[in-house]
């Protein structure tokens, strides 16, 4: 499956959250990652993030796209992150 993950976490946890997410996904922009991921790895990622974030203060949103067949991506302005995985 293909997912887009966005996060908004306290500055104290940003580097740990980003490092954890980059084990599974490709960084594309500040606080945004995307990529193909298996169900098992998505479960691992969720568990790892649950241990890192403060559920009273932080937010992580995972958009699950079952298929990217009809998806496109348009970038306006500065390209950030990698382009290894493009929708």
N, C-alpha and C. Protein backbone atom coordinates (compact mmCIF):
# COMPACT_ATOMS: atom_id res chain seq x y z
N UNK A 1 0.83 -1.17 0.00
CA UNK A 1 0.00 0.00 0.00
C UNK A 1 0.88 1.24 0.00
N UNK A 2 0.32 2.35 -0.41
CA UNK A 2 1.06 3.61 -0.45
C UNK A 2 0.46 4.53 0.60
N UNK A 3 1.32 5.13 1.43
CA UNK A 3 0.81 6.05 2.44
C UNK A 3 1.53 7.39 2.38
N UNK A 4 0.83 8.40 2.86
CA UNK A 4 1.40 9.72 3.09
C UNK A 4 1.25 9.96 4.58
N UNK A 5 2.33 10.28 5.24
CA UNK A 5 2.33 10.51 6.68
C UNK A 5 2.74 11.96 6.94
N UNK A 6 1.94 12.65 7.74
CA UNK A 6 2.26 14.02 8.14
C UNK A 6 2.27 14.08 9.66
N UNK A 7 3.15 14.89 10.20
CA UNK A 7 3.20 14.98 11.66
C UNK A 7 3.42 16.41 12.11
N UNK A 8 2.92 16.68 13.30
CA UNK A 8 3.12 17.96 13.97
C UNK A 8 3.41 17.62 15.42
N UNK A 9 4.69 17.62 15.78
CA UNK A 9 5.10 17.21 17.12
C UNK A 9 5.95 18.30 17.76
N UNK A 10 6.05 18.25 19.06
CA UNK A 10 6.87 19.19 19.80
C UNK A 10 8.31 19.13 19.30
N UNK A 11 8.97 20.26 19.25
CA UNK A 11 10.33 20.35 18.72
C UNK A 11 11.28 19.37 19.41
N UNK A 12 11.00 19.02 20.66
CA UNK A 12 11.86 18.08 21.40
C UNK A 12 11.83 16.68 20.78
N UNK A 13 10.75 16.37 20.06
CA UNK A 13 10.59 15.02 19.51
C UNK A 13 10.72 14.94 17.98
N UNK A 14 10.87 16.06 17.32
CA UNK A 14 10.89 16.09 15.86
C UNK A 14 11.96 15.17 15.29
N UNK A 15 13.18 15.25 15.77
CA UNK A 15 14.26 14.45 15.18
C UNK A 15 14.03 12.95 15.39
N UNK A 16 13.51 12.56 16.53
CA UNK A 16 13.23 11.14 16.78
C UNK A 16 12.10 10.63 15.90
N UNK A 17 11.06 11.44 15.74
CA UNK A 17 9.93 11.05 14.90
C UNK A 17 10.38 10.94 13.44
N UNK A 18 11.13 11.92 12.97
CA UNK A 18 11.61 11.88 11.58
C UNK A 18 12.51 10.68 11.36
N UNK A 19 13.44 10.42 12.26
CA UNK A 19 14.35 9.29 12.13
C UNK A 19 13.58 7.97 12.07
N UNK A 20 12.57 7.83 12.91
CA UNK A 20 11.75 6.62 12.92
C UNK A 20 11.00 6.46 11.60
N UNK A 21 10.37 7.53 11.14
CA UNK A 21 9.60 7.48 9.89
C UNK A 21 10.48 7.17 8.68
N UNK A 22 11.71 7.71 8.68
CA UNK A 22 12.60 7.49 7.53
C UNK A 22 13.08 6.05 7.42
N UNK A 23 12.91 5.24 8.47
CA UNK A 23 13.23 3.82 8.36
C UNK A 23 12.26 3.11 7.43
N UNK A 24 11.08 3.68 7.25
CA UNK A 24 10.02 3.03 6.48
C UNK A 24 9.58 3.81 5.24
N UNK A 25 9.76 5.13 5.25
CA UNK A 25 9.21 5.99 4.21
C UNK A 25 10.26 6.97 3.69
N UNK A 26 9.91 7.68 2.62
CA UNK A 26 10.79 8.68 2.03
C UNK A 26 10.35 10.07 2.46
N UNK A 27 11.30 10.86 2.95
CA UNK A 27 11.01 12.24 3.34
C UNK A 27 10.82 13.08 2.10
N UNK A 28 9.72 13.84 2.01
CA UNK A 28 9.47 14.67 0.83
C UNK A 28 9.38 16.15 1.15
N UNK A 29 9.07 16.50 2.41
CA UNK A 29 8.96 17.89 2.79
C UNK A 29 8.93 17.96 4.31
N UNK A 30 9.12 19.15 4.87
CA UNK A 30 9.06 19.28 6.33
C UNK A 30 7.83 18.58 6.87
N UNK A 31 8.03 17.62 7.75
CA UNK A 31 6.95 16.90 8.43
C UNK A 31 6.06 16.08 7.51
N UNK A 32 6.53 15.74 6.31
CA UNK A 32 5.75 14.93 5.36
C UNK A 32 6.64 13.82 4.79
N UNK A 33 6.14 12.59 4.86
CA UNK A 33 6.83 11.44 4.27
C UNK A 33 5.82 10.64 3.48
N UNK A 34 6.32 9.84 2.53
CA UNK A 34 5.43 9.01 1.72
C UNK A 34 6.18 7.76 1.28
N UNK A 35 5.43 6.77 0.84
CA UNK A 35 6.05 5.60 0.28
C UNK A 35 5.20 4.35 0.37
N UNK A 36 5.68 3.34 -0.33
CA UNK A 36 5.07 2.00 -0.28
C UNK A 36 5.47 1.37 1.04
N UNK A 37 4.53 0.68 1.67
CA UNK A 37 4.80 0.04 2.94
C UNK A 37 3.90 -1.18 3.09
N UNK A 38 4.41 -2.22 3.69
CA UNK A 38 3.61 -3.42 3.92
C UNK A 38 2.74 -3.21 5.16
N UNK A 39 1.72 -4.03 5.30
CA UNK A 39 0.85 -3.97 6.48
C UNK A 39 1.67 -4.17 7.76
N UNK A 40 2.59 -5.13 7.71
CA UNK A 40 3.42 -5.43 8.89
C UNK A 40 4.29 -4.24 9.27
N UNK A 41 4.93 -3.61 8.29
CA UNK A 41 5.78 -2.47 8.58
C UNK A 41 4.97 -1.25 9.02
N UNK A 42 3.77 -1.10 8.49
CA UNK A 42 2.91 -0.01 8.93
C UNK A 42 2.53 -0.21 10.40
N UNK A 43 2.27 -1.43 10.77
CA UNK A 43 1.94 -1.73 12.16
C UNK A 43 3.14 -1.40 13.07
N UNK A 44 4.36 -1.78 12.63
CA UNK A 44 5.57 -1.47 13.39
C UNK A 44 5.76 0.03 13.53
N UNK A 45 5.57 0.74 12.43
CA UNK A 45 5.73 2.19 12.42
C UNK A 45 4.75 2.83 13.40
N UNK A 46 3.50 2.41 13.36
CA UNK A 46 2.50 2.95 14.28
C UNK A 46 2.90 2.71 15.74
N UNK A 47 3.37 1.50 16.03
CA UNK A 47 3.78 1.19 17.41
C UNK A 47 4.96 2.05 17.85
N UNK A 48 5.96 2.20 16.98
CA UNK A 48 7.12 3.01 17.32
C UNK A 48 6.74 4.47 17.55
N UNK A 49 5.88 5.00 16.68
CA UNK A 49 5.46 6.39 16.83
C UNK A 49 4.62 6.58 18.09
N UNK A 50 3.80 5.61 18.40
CA UNK A 50 2.96 5.70 19.61
C UNK A 50 3.81 5.82 20.86
N UNK A 51 4.98 5.17 20.86
CA UNK A 51 5.89 5.24 22.00
C UNK A 51 6.62 6.58 22.07
N UNK A 52 6.81 7.22 20.91
CA UNK A 52 7.58 8.46 20.85
C UNK A 52 6.77 9.72 21.12
N UNK A 53 5.55 9.76 20.65
CA UNK A 53 4.79 11.00 20.71
C UNK A 53 4.06 11.15 22.05
N UNK A 54 3.73 12.39 22.34
CA UNK A 54 2.88 12.71 23.48
C UNK A 54 1.48 12.89 22.91
N UNK A 55 0.58 11.97 23.21
CA UNK A 55 -0.75 11.97 22.62
C UNK A 55 -1.59 13.17 23.03
N UNK A 56 -1.17 13.88 24.05
CA UNK A 56 -1.88 15.08 24.48
C UNK A 56 -1.39 16.33 23.74
N UNK A 57 -0.24 16.22 23.08
CA UNK A 57 0.38 17.40 22.48
C UNK A 57 0.70 17.24 20.99
N UNK A 58 1.00 16.03 20.55
CA UNK A 58 1.47 15.78 19.19
C UNK A 58 0.38 15.18 18.31
N UNK A 59 0.60 15.27 17.00
CA UNK A 59 -0.35 14.72 16.03
C UNK A 59 0.40 14.05 14.88
N UNK A 60 -0.06 12.86 14.51
CA UNK A 60 0.45 12.14 13.34
C UNK A 60 -0.77 11.71 12.54
N UNK A 61 -0.77 12.02 11.25
CA UNK A 61 -1.88 11.62 10.37
C UNK A 61 -1.31 10.75 9.26
N UNK A 62 -1.96 9.60 9.03
CA UNK A 62 -1.53 8.67 7.99
C UNK A 62 -2.66 8.56 6.97
N UNK A 63 -2.37 8.98 5.74
CA UNK A 63 -3.31 8.84 4.63
C UNK A 63 -2.96 7.56 3.90
N UNK A 64 -3.91 6.66 3.79
CA UNK A 64 -3.69 5.37 3.15
C UNK A 64 -4.33 5.38 1.77
N UNK A 65 -3.49 5.23 0.74
CA UNK A 65 -3.98 5.16 -0.64
C UNK A 65 -3.78 3.73 -1.13
N UNK A 66 -4.84 3.03 -1.30
CA UNK A 66 -4.74 1.63 -1.73
C UNK A 66 -4.08 1.51 -3.10
N UNK A 67 -4.29 2.51 -3.95
CA UNK A 67 -3.67 2.49 -5.26
C UNK A 67 -3.25 3.91 -5.64
N UNK A 68 -2.17 4.03 -6.38
CA UNK A 68 -1.72 5.35 -6.84
C UNK A 68 -2.02 5.51 -8.33
N UNK A 69 -2.80 4.60 -8.88
CA UNK A 69 -3.09 4.60 -10.31
C UNK A 69 -3.65 5.93 -10.82
N UNK A 70 -4.52 6.54 -10.05
CA UNK A 70 -5.17 7.76 -10.49
C UNK A 70 -4.64 9.00 -9.77
N UNK A 71 -3.50 8.88 -9.12
CA UNK A 71 -2.94 9.99 -8.36
C UNK A 71 -1.84 10.69 -9.15
N UNK A 72 -1.71 11.98 -8.90
CA UNK A 72 -0.61 12.75 -9.47
C UNK A 72 -0.08 13.67 -8.38
N UNK A 73 1.10 14.19 -8.62
CA UNK A 73 1.70 15.12 -7.69
C UNK A 73 2.20 16.33 -8.47
N UNK A 74 1.89 17.50 -7.97
CA UNK A 74 2.36 18.74 -8.58
C UNK A 74 3.10 19.52 -7.51
N UNK A 75 4.30 19.98 -7.83
CA UNK A 75 5.10 20.75 -6.88
C UNK A 75 5.19 22.18 -7.38
N UNK A 76 4.83 23.11 -6.52
CA UNK A 76 4.99 24.53 -6.82
C UNK A 76 6.07 25.05 -5.89
N UNK A 77 7.06 25.71 -6.42
CA UNK A 77 8.13 26.25 -5.58
C UNK A 77 9.25 25.24 -5.37
N UNK A 78 9.94 25.41 -4.26
CA UNK A 78 11.12 24.64 -3.93
C UNK A 78 10.81 23.16 -3.72
N UNK A 79 11.57 22.29 -4.38
CA UNK A 79 11.46 20.85 -4.14
C UNK A 79 12.28 20.51 -2.92
N UNK A 80 11.67 19.78 -1.99
CA UNK A 80 12.39 19.37 -0.79
C UNK A 80 12.39 17.87 -0.71
N UNK A 81 13.33 17.31 0.03
CA UNK A 81 13.37 15.88 0.24
C UNK A 81 13.77 15.13 -1.01
N UNK A 82 13.53 13.81 -0.94
CA UNK A 82 13.91 12.96 -2.06
C UNK A 82 12.79 12.79 -3.06
N UNK A 83 13.16 12.33 -4.22
CA UNK A 83 12.17 12.04 -5.26
C UNK A 83 12.18 10.55 -5.60
N UNK A 84 12.65 9.75 -4.66
CA UNK A 84 12.73 8.31 -4.92
C UNK A 84 11.37 7.70 -5.21
N UNK A 85 10.36 8.19 -4.49
CA UNK A 85 9.02 7.64 -4.62
C UNK A 85 8.07 8.78 -4.98
N UNK A 86 7.52 8.76 -6.16
CA UNK A 86 6.62 9.81 -6.58
C UNK A 86 5.26 9.21 -6.84
N UNK A 87 4.22 9.88 -6.35
CA UNK A 87 2.86 9.38 -6.55
C UNK A 87 2.56 9.35 -8.03
